Amino acid sequence: LGKTTELREKDVAALTLLSSTLRMELRFGIFHPFLMTHPLFRLWNMLDSTMVQRLCEESIFFLFLRTKDDLFVPATKAHSAYYVASGTLHYYHDPESIGKDEAATMEVVEQGRWMCEAALWTDWVHVGRAEA
């Protein structure tokens, strides 16, 4: 009884009744404030806001992590950039995962920060672990 669950789009049947255009505008309204915190997306929005709306419709989603859940682990291919919309993550840098003999470090990633943006424009492999 004490557990709360996050409401997800797929759980709201009424959203399937919206036209694709209206659904795209709704998703844009939800994700726009987060996207505009990043300079690349601000520029892209100024150049082609319709394309950013399509990005929101097709490629952006919320991930809900519980304490101790991993967002990603070392030596795995990065497919996404991440924005911390609420809470914090702990990032454990693991140089050994790429064969470097350096000390591991930990960084707290606060709400409002981006992670792994390089995965958007290049092949990228995680060299650490992010944990909620």
Protein backbone atom coordinates (compact mmCIF):
# COMPACT_ATOMS: atom_id res chain seq x y z
CA LEU A 1 0.00 0.00 0.00
CA GLY A 2 2.85 2.39 0.68
CA LYS A 3 4.26 2.13 -2.85
CA THR A 4 3.37 4.70 -5.45
CA THR A 5 3.62 4.04 -9.15
CA GLU A 6 4.28 6.57 -11.85
CA LEU A 7 1.52 7.24 -14.35
CA ARG A 8 2.76 6.35 -17.82
CA GLU A 9 1.38 7.38 -21.19
CA LYS A 10 0.38 3.83 -22.11
CA ASP A 11 -1.79 3.71 -18.97
CA VAL A 12 -3.99 6.61 -20.12
CA ALA A 13 -6.41 5.15 -22.66
CA ALA A 14 -7.81 8.58 -23.56
CA LEU A 15 -4.48 9.55 -25.15
CA THR A 16 -5.10 7.02 -27.93
CA LEU A 17 -8.13 9.10 -28.93
CA LEU A 18 -5.99 12.15 -29.73
CA SER A 19 -4.97 12.89 -33.28
CA SER A 20 -1.29 12.31 -34.02
CA THR A 21 -0.78 16.08 -34.36
CA LEU A 22 -2.38 16.83 -31.00
CA ARG A 23 -0.45 13.98 -29.33
CA MET A 24 2.79 15.38 -30.79
CA GLU A 25 1.95 18.86 -29.46
CA LEU A 26 1.13 17.41 -26.04
CA ARG A 27 4.44 15.52 -25.85
CA PHE A 28 6.26 18.65 -27.03
CA GLY A 29 4.62 20.61 -24.22
CA ILE A 30 5.72 18.00 -21.69
CA PHE A 31 9.34 17.61 -22.83
CA HIS A 32 10.07 21.14 -24.13
CA PRO A 33 11.10 22.61 -20.74
CA PHE A 34 13.67 19.83 -20.24
CA LEU A 35 15.04 20.00 -23.79
CA MET A 36 15.48 23.76 -23.69
CA THR A 37 18.01 23.43 -20.87
CA HIS A 38 20.51 22.09 -23.43
CA PRO A 39 22.14 24.55 -25.89
CA LEU A 40 21.97 22.09 -28.82
CA PHE A 41 18.22 21.62 -28.49
CA ARG A 42 17.64 25.36 -27.98
CA LEU A 43 19.47 26.03 -31.26
CA TRP A 44 17.66 23.22 -33.04
CA ASN A 45 14.31 24.54 -31.79
CA MET A 46 15.11 28.01 -33.16
CA LEU A 47 16.08 26.53 -36.54
CA ASP A 48 13.30 23.96 -36.91
CA SER A 49 10.74 23.69 -34.11
CA THR A 50 8.67 21.17 -36.10
CA MET A 51 11.60 18.76 -36.12
CA VAL A 52 12.00 19.17 -32.34
CA GLN A 53 8.29 18.39 -31.97
CA ARG A 54 8.84 15.20 -33.99
CA LEU A 55 11.82 14.38 -31.77
CA CYS A 56 9.54 14.65 -28.73
CA GLU A 57 6.96 12.41 -30.39
CA GLU A 58 9.32 9.66 -31.54
CA SER A 59 12.42 9.60 -29.36
CA ILE A 60 11.95 11.06 -25.90
CA PHE A 61 10.54 9.26 -22.90
CA PHE A 62 10.71 9.22 -19.13
CA LEU A 63 12.61 6.51 -17.26
CA PHE A 64 11.59 5.98 -13.65
CA LEU A 65 14.36 4.49 -11.54
CA ARG A 66 14.11 3.29 -7.97
CA THR A 67 16.96 3.59 -5.47
CA LYS A 68 19.93 1.42 -6.48
CA ASP A 69 18.60 0.85 -10.03
CA ASP A 70 21.29 1.12 -12.71
CA LEU A 71 20.72 3.53 -15.58
CA PHE A 72 23.73 2.10 -17.43
CA VAL A 73 26.82 0.01 -16.69
CA PRO A 74 30.46 0.13 -17.88
CA ALA A 75 31.53 -1.24 -21.26
CA THR A 76 28.04 -1.03 -22.78
CA LYS A 77 27.17 0.96 -25.89
CA ALA A 78 25.49 4.28 -25.19
CA HIS A 79 22.32 4.84 -27.18
CA SER A 80 20.85 7.85 -25.40
CA ALA A 81 21.50 11.10 -23.65
CA TYR A 82 19.88 11.47 -20.23
CA TYR A 83 18.43 14.42 -18.36
CA VAL A 84 17.91 14.17 -14.61
CA ALA A 85 14.40 15.60 -14.24
CA SER A 86 14.11 14.83 -10.53
CA GLY A 87 16.23 13.29 -7.81
CA THR A 88 19.92 12.50 -8.21
CA LEU A 89 22.11 9.85 -9.79
CA HIS A 90 25.46 8.56 -8.63
CA TYR A 91 27.98 8.16 -11.43
CA TYR A 92 30.87 5.80 -10.71
CA HIS A 93 33.65 6.36 -13.24
CA ASP A 94 35.41 3.04 -13.95
CA PRO A 95 38.61 3.59 -15.98
CA GLU A 96 39.44 -0.12 -15.76
CA SER A 97 36.46 -0.84 -18.03
CA ILE A 98 38.47 0.67 -20.90
CA GLY A 99 41.84 -0.63 -19.79
CA LYS A 100 43.14 2.45 -17.95
CA ASP A 101 44.99 2.12 -14.68
CA GLU A 102 43.42 5.06 -12.85
CA ALA A 103 41.49 5.40 -9.62
CA ALA A 104 37.72 5.08 -9.81
CA THR A 105 35.74 8.18 -8.84
CA MET A 106 32.14 8.95 -7.90
CA GLU A 107 30.15 12.05 -8.80
CA VAL A 108 26.63 13.01 -7.75
CA VAL A 109 24.59 14.08 -10.77
CA GLU A 110 21.99 16.56 -9.58
CA GLN A 111 18.53 17.35 -10.90
CA GLY A 112 18.73 19.51 -14.03
CA ARG A 113 21.96 17.96 -15.37
CA TRP A 114 22.54 16.15 -18.66
CA MET A 115 24.56 12.96 -19.09
CA CYS A 116 25.95 11.11 -22.12
CA GLU A 117 25.13 13.75 -24.74
CA ALA A 118 28.04 12.50 -26.87
CA ALA A 119 25.95 9.41 -27.64
CA LEU A 120 23.73 11.64 -29.79
CA TRP A 121 26.43 12.31 -32.37
CA THR A 122 29.11 9.62 -32.02
CA ASP A 123 29.60 5.98 -31.13
CA TRP A 124 30.05 5.95 -27.38
CA VAL A 125 30.77 3.30 -24.78
CA HIS A 126 30.01 3.91 -21.12
CA VAL A 127 33.11 4.03 -18.91
CA GLY A 128 31.17 4.02 -15.68
CA ARG A 129 27.94 3.15 -13.98
CA ALA A 130 25.04 5.46 -13.21
CA GLU A 131 22.85 4.45 -10.30
CA ALA A 132 19.71 6.03 -8.86
